[in-house]
Amino acid sequence: MRLMGIEAIYPKPKTSRPHPGHKAYPYLLRNLNIDHPNQVWAADITFIPMARGFMYLVAVMDWHSRKVLSWRLSNTLEADFCVEALEEALLRHGRPEIFNTDQGAQFTSQAFTGLLKSHEIQISMDGRGRVQDNIFIERLWWSTKYQYLYLWTFDNGAQLRQGLGQWFQLYNQERSHQALDNLTPDEVYYGLPHPFAEAA
């Protein structure tokens, strides 16, 4: 059914619920020329159906290169796994100038926004219901689900975690993007030479 684009009609888990007591921030990316790594990072949450139940996946992505900088799985929508993914990305890759998310409670939480502020990172948030505001990570979810997750069955979180680790490694290191001049995210992020460039 998934391969044919047919989906069952039933309520799906909502991954982006705002918290009435949390502050939402303005969207800073409109008409912004994003032309170098670590200029803008983004994060989002999606749910993954399992053989029994489902899990939540968060990823942190560099917008310019489309590189997945970090990711985490959780069986709840508490903010902790999002904060852990952000901490890992900051530890491994430095810091961005701007960080963009939706207005979900995990991303508007004090733990998440406080960490961004402590690193002097500007906070940007999508308009309510505007999927296009974070389009690159939405494309990541489509690729991850339809080119990997929906082709396999995972019985438990350990299997899923191992499989996603392999998928994101392939995505970063081997999967070229037409929008990136057929380079991979790692080649663009790290400024590696084009594999077909003529030797000097």
Protein backbone atom coordinates (compact mmCIF):
# COMPACT_ATOMS: atom_id res chain seq x y z
CA MET A 1 0.00 0.00 0.00
CA ARG A 2 2.79 2.44 0.88
CA LEU A 3 4.58 1.89 -2.41
CA MET A 4 1.36 2.67 -4.29
CA GLY A 5 0.77 5.82 -2.28
CA ILE A 6 -2.29 4.36 -0.53
CA GLU A 7 -2.68 5.14 3.15
CA ALA A 8 -5.16 3.96 5.73
CA ILE A 9 -7.53 6.60 7.07
CA TYR A 10 -6.99 6.92 10.81
CA PRO A 11 -5.66 9.59 13.17
CA LYS A 12 -1.87 9.88 12.99
CA PRO A 13 0.31 11.01 15.88
CA LYS A 14 0.66 14.78 15.97
CA THR A 15 4.32 15.73 16.27
CA SER A 16 3.90 19.51 16.33
CA ARG A 17 1.65 20.67 19.14
CA PRO A 18 2.27 24.21 20.38
CA HIS A 19 2.44 24.94 24.09
CA PRO A 20 0.26 27.89 25.11
CA GLY A 21 2.81 29.03 27.69
CA HIS A 22 5.83 28.98 25.40
CA LYS A 23 7.09 31.88 23.30
CA ALA A 24 7.04 31.51 19.50
CA TYR A 25 9.69 33.31 17.46
CA PRO A 26 9.40 35.01 14.05
CA TYR A 27 10.42 33.29 10.82
CA LEU A 28 13.80 34.67 9.72
CA LEU A 29 14.45 32.77 6.48
CA ARG A 30 12.08 34.53 4.07
CA ASN A 31 14.12 35.94 1.15
CA LEU A 32 17.35 35.02 2.94
CA ASN A 33 20.21 33.97 0.64
CA ILE A 34 21.53 30.77 2.21
CA ASP A 35 24.94 30.20 0.63
CA HIS A 36 27.28 28.52 3.12
CA PRO A 37 27.33 25.70 5.68
CA ASN A 38 26.39 26.50 9.29
CA GLN A 39 24.45 29.56 8.20
CA VAL A 40 21.09 27.93 8.91
CA TRP A 41 20.29 24.68 10.69
CA ALA A 42 16.81 23.24 11.00
CA ALA A 43 15.13 20.50 13.02
CA ASP A 44 11.87 18.62 12.77
CA ILE A 45 10.13 15.57 14.22
CA THR A 46 8.37 12.79 12.35
CA PHE A 47 6.78 9.54 13.48
CA ILE A 48 7.81 6.09 12.30
CA PRO A 49 5.34 3.18 12.26
CA MET A 50 6.72 -0.01 13.78
CA ALA A 51 5.52 -3.62 13.77
CA ARG A 52 3.90 -2.64 17.08
CA GLY A 53 3.24 1.02 17.74
CA PHE A 54 5.53 3.78 16.52
CA MET A 55 8.52 5.90 17.50
CA TYR A 56 9.45 9.53 17.00
CA LEU A 57 12.50 10.69 15.05
CA VAL A 58 14.11 14.13 15.24
CA ALA A 59 16.85 15.28 12.88
CA VAL A 60 19.05 18.37 12.77
CA MET A 61 19.95 19.42 9.22
CA ASP A 62 22.26 22.01 7.68
CA TRP A 63 20.11 23.84 5.12
CA HIS A 64 22.85 24.77 2.67
CA SER A 65 24.29 21.27 2.27
CA ARG A 66 21.24 19.18 3.35
CA LYS A 67 23.61 17.26 5.64
CA VAL A 68 21.97 15.48 8.58
CA LEU A 69 24.10 16.68 11.48
CA SER A 70 22.50 14.57 14.22
CA TRP A 71 19.34 12.60 15.00
CA ARG A 72 17.60 10.86 17.88
CA LEU A 73 14.75 8.39 18.41
CA SER A 74 12.22 8.46 21.23
CA ASN A 75 9.03 6.69 22.23
CA THR A 76 7.64 9.91 23.74
CA LEU A 77 7.35 13.53 22.62
CA GLU A 78 9.18 14.98 25.60
CA ALA A 79 11.75 17.65 24.67
CA ASP A 80 14.74 15.62 25.93
CA PHE A 81 15.55 13.77 22.70
CA CYS A 82 15.41 17.02 20.70
CA VAL A 83 17.76 18.72 23.14
CA GLU A 84 20.15 15.74 22.94
CA ALA A 85 20.18 15.93 19.13
CA LEU A 86 20.91 19.66 19.28
CA GLU A 87 23.70 19.15 21.84
CA GLU A 88 25.36 16.53 19.63
CA ALA A 89 25.15 18.73 16.52
CA LEU A 90 26.70 21.66 18.39
CA LEU A 91 29.45 19.48 19.85
CA ARG A 92 30.38 17.90 16.52
CA HIS A 93 29.82 20.76 14.07
CA GLY A 94 30.12 24.09 15.87
CA ARG A 95 27.13 26.38 15.76
CA PRO A 96 24.87 27.92 13.11
CA GLU A 97 23.94 31.56 12.76
CA ILE A 98 20.20 30.74 12.68
CA PHE A 99 18.25 27.70 13.87
CA ASN A 100 14.79 27.08 12.38
CA THR A 101 12.01 24.79 13.66
CA ASP A 102 8.25 24.64 13.75
CA GLN A 103 6.33 25.90 16.79
CA GLY A 104 6.04 22.49 18.46
CA ALA A 105 6.32 22.40 22.25
CA GLN A 106 9.65 20.55 22.12
CA PHE A 107 11.30 23.36 20.16
CA THR A 108 9.70 26.24 22.10
CA SER A 109 10.64 24.67 25.45
CA GLN A 110 13.03 26.51 27.73
CA ALA A 111 15.50 23.63 27.52
CA PHE A 112 15.72 23.90 23.72
CA THR A 113 15.55 27.66 23.22
CA GLY A 114 17.78 28.25 26.23
CA LEU A 115 20.49 26.09 24.68
CA LEU A 116 20.27 28.07 21.43
CA LYS A 117 20.46 31.37 23.28
CA SER A 118 23.44 30.23 25.34
CA HIS A 119 25.31 29.70 22.05
CA GLU A 120 24.12 33.09 20.69
CA ILE A 121 22.13 31.45 17.87
CA GLN A 122 19.21 33.35 16.34
CA ILE A 123 15.91 31.47 16.70
CA SER A 124 13.55 31.19 13.73
CA MET A 125 10.20 29.40 13.65
CA ASP A 126 7.86 28.44 10.82
CA GLY A 127 4.48 30.09 10.52
CA ARG A 128 1.67 27.93 11.91
CA GLY A 129 0.72 25.26 9.38
CA ARG A 130 3.37 26.37 6.83
CA VAL A 131 5.15 23.17 5.81
CA GLN A 132 7.00 25.04 3.04
CA ASP A 133 8.88 27.09 5.64
CA ASN A 134 11.01 24.02 6.46
CA ILE A 135 10.83 22.36 3.05
CA PHE A 136 14.29 20.73 2.97
CA ILE A 137 13.72 18.67 6.10
CA GLU A 138 10.25 17.72 4.83
CA ARG A 139 11.99 16.35 1.72
CA LEU A 140 14.37 14.45 4.00
CA TRP A 141 11.39 12.78 5.68
CA TRP A 142 9.90 11.81 2.32
CA SER A 143 13.20 10.27 1.16
CA THR A 144 13.80 8.50 4.46
CA LYS A 145 10.35 6.97 4.56
CA TYR A 146 9.72 6.06 0.93
CA GLN A 147 13.26 5.09 -0.05
CA TYR A 148 14.17 3.27 3.16
CA LEU A 149 11.80 2.87 6.10
CA TYR A 150 8.70 1.72 4.20
CA LEU A 151 10.74 -0.97 2.44
CA TRP A 152 11.69 -2.73 5.69
CA THR A 153 10.04 -3.98 8.87
CA PHE A 154 11.53 -3.13 12.26
CA ASP A 155 10.54 -5.21 15.28
CA ASN A 156 12.11 -2.99 17.93
CA GLY A 157 13.87 0.27 18.59
CA ALA A 158 17.35 -1.26 18.45
CA GLN A 159 16.78 -2.53 14.89
CA LEU A 160 15.34 0.82 13.85
CA ARG A 161 18.23 2.76 15.38
CA GLN A 162 20.82 0.59 13.62
CA GLY A 163 18.99 0.86 10.30
CA LEU A 164 18.64 4.63 10.51
CA GLY A 165 22.33 4.96 11.32
CA GLN A 166 23.18 3.18 8.09
CA TRP A 167 20.61 5.17 6.09
CA PHE A 168 21.80 8.58 7.29
CA GLN A 169 25.41 7.62 6.62
CA LEU A 170 24.45 6.70 3.06
CA TYR A 171 22.34 9.87 2.75
CA ASN A 172 25.24 12.11 3.82
CA GLN A 173 28.11 10.37 2.10
CA GLU A 174 26.74 8.73 -1.06
CA ARG A 175 23.36 10.18 -2.05
CA SER A 176 23.89 13.00 -4.53
CA HIS A 177 21.32 15.80 -4.89
CA GLN A 178 20.42 17.44 -8.17
CA ALA A 179 19.92 20.75 -6.34
CA LEU A 180 23.51 20.45 -5.05
CA ASP A 181 24.99 20.07 -8.54
CA ASN A 182 24.89 16.29 -8.02
CA LEU A 183 27.16 16.47 -5.01
CA THR A 184 26.48 14.69 -1.73
CA PRO A 185 25.65 16.59 1.47
CA ASP A 186 29.08 15.77 2.92
CA GLU A 187 30.86 17.07 -0.19
CA VAL A 188 29.01 20.39 0.05
CA TYR A 189 29.24 20.73 3.84
CA TYR A 190 32.96 19.96 4.08
CA GLY A 191 33.85 21.63 0.77
CA LEU A 192 35.23 18.42 -0.70
CA PRO A 193 36.28 18.45 -4.37
CA HIS A 194 33.76 17.27 -6.94
CA PRO A 195 34.48 13.55 -7.61
CA PHE A 196 34.49 14.16 -11.40
CA ALA A 197 36.65 17.27 -11.32
CA GLU A 198 39.70 17.08 -13.54
CA ALA A 199 42.98 16.64 -11.75
CA ALA A 200 45.08 19.79 -11.63
